Amino acid sequence: MQTTIQLDDALLAKATALAHEQGCDLSHLIETTLRDKLAPVSPVASRPFHHLTTFAGDGVHPGVDLNNSAALLALMERGE
């Protein structure tokens, strides 16, 4: 459907430049932007804050690599 809208000159220039950067025409940019803006927003449920239990100590034991989950699991299974 074709329609006529009035846009501020500066806004039109920015929109035209953005459409060119994205490799689409102005109509496509306006259409997708409106779709995004008008899409229903699902509410984000607030989650209760949970306190994490922490322990005092000197940090990670020597030889433990927290970035290697397989090695960490092996150490935990051995009880080290």
Protein backbone atom coordinates (compact mmCIF):
# COMPACT_ATOMS: atom_id res chain seq x y z
CA MET A 1 0.00 0.00 0.00
CA GLN A 2 1.25 3.43 -0.82
CA THR A 3 0.88 6.36 1.58
CA THR A 4 2.39 9.77 2.17
CA ILE A 5 4.05 10.77 5.44
CA GLN A 6 5.78 13.94 6.55
CA LEU A 7 9.23 13.61 8.10
CA ASP A 8 11.68 16.14 9.45
CA ASP A 9 14.41 16.77 6.85
CA ALA A 10 17.21 15.73 9.21
CA LEU A 11 15.37 12.53 10.17
CA LEU A 12 14.74 11.69 6.52
CA ALA A 13 18.43 12.22 5.71
CA LYS A 14 19.51 9.90 8.55
CA ALA A 15 16.96 7.27 7.56
CA THR A 16 17.99 7.43 3.92
CA ALA A 17 21.66 7.07 4.87
CA LEU A 18 20.89 4.12 7.15
CA ALA A 19 18.86 2.41 4.43
CA HIS A 20 21.77 2.88 2.03
CA GLU A 21 24.23 1.44 4.60
CA GLN A 22 21.99 -1.59 5.08
CA GLY A 23 21.54 -2.07 1.36
CA CYS A 24 17.79 -1.60 1.32
CA ASP A 25 15.39 1.10 0.22
CA LEU A 26 13.77 3.64 2.53
CA SER A 27 10.38 1.92 2.38
CA HIS A 28 11.85 -1.37 3.59
CA LEU A 29 13.72 0.37 6.42
CA ILE A 30 10.58 2.19 7.60
CA GLU A 31 8.48 -0.98 7.33
CA THR A 32 10.88 -3.16 9.33
CA THR A 33 11.43 -0.43 11.91
CA LEU A 34 7.69 -0.05 12.43
CA ARG A 35 7.25 -3.81 12.69
CA ASP A 36 9.94 -3.97 15.37
CA LYS A 37 8.46 -1.04 17.26
CA LEU A 38 4.90 -2.37 17.11
CA ALA A 39 5.76 -5.97 18.00
CA PRO A 40 4.34 -7.03 21.34
CA VAL A 41 6.86 -7.00 24.14
CA SER A 42 6.72 -9.94 26.48
CA PRO A 43 6.93 -8.79 30.09
CA VAL A 44 10.03 -9.79 31.98
CA ALA A 45 9.14 -11.43 35.23
CA SER A 46 11.05 -10.04 38.15
CA ARG A 47 13.14 -12.67 39.81
CA PRO A 48 13.85 -12.63 43.53
CA PHE A 49 17.41 -11.91 44.53
CA HIS A 50 19.20 -15.02 45.74
CA HIS A 51 22.14 -14.76 48.08
CA LEU A 52 25.01 -16.99 47.08
CA THR A 53 26.82 -18.93 49.73
CA THR A 54 30.50 -18.08 49.81
CA PHE A 55 33.38 -19.63 51.68
CA ALA A 56 36.53 -18.07 53.04
CA GLY A 57 39.82 -19.38 51.79
CA ASP A 58 42.74 -18.83 49.51
CA GLY A 59 40.92 -19.34 46.22
CA VAL A 60 41.33 -22.19 43.78
CA HIS A 61 43.60 -25.07 44.69
CA PRO A 62 46.80 -25.49 42.66
CA GLY A 63 46.24 -27.42 39.44
CA VAL A 64 42.54 -26.56 39.20
CA ASP A 65 41.57 -24.90 35.93
CA LEU A 66 38.04 -23.49 36.13
CA ASN A 67 38.02 -23.09 32.35
CA ASN A 68 38.40 -26.86 31.83
CA SER A 69 35.14 -28.44 32.96
CA ALA A 70 36.21 -32.01 32.15
CA ALA A 71 39.37 -31.74 34.26
CA LEU A 72 37.43 -30.02 37.04
CA LEU A 73 34.83 -32.80 37.05
CA ALA A 74 37.59 -35.43 37.18
CA LEU A 75 39.19 -33.70 40.19
CA MET A 76 35.83 -33.45 41.93
CA GLU A 77 35.09 -37.14 41.34
CA ARG A 78 38.48 -38.10 42.79
CA GLY A 79 37.74 -35.93 45.83
CA GLU A 80 40.75 -33.68 45.38
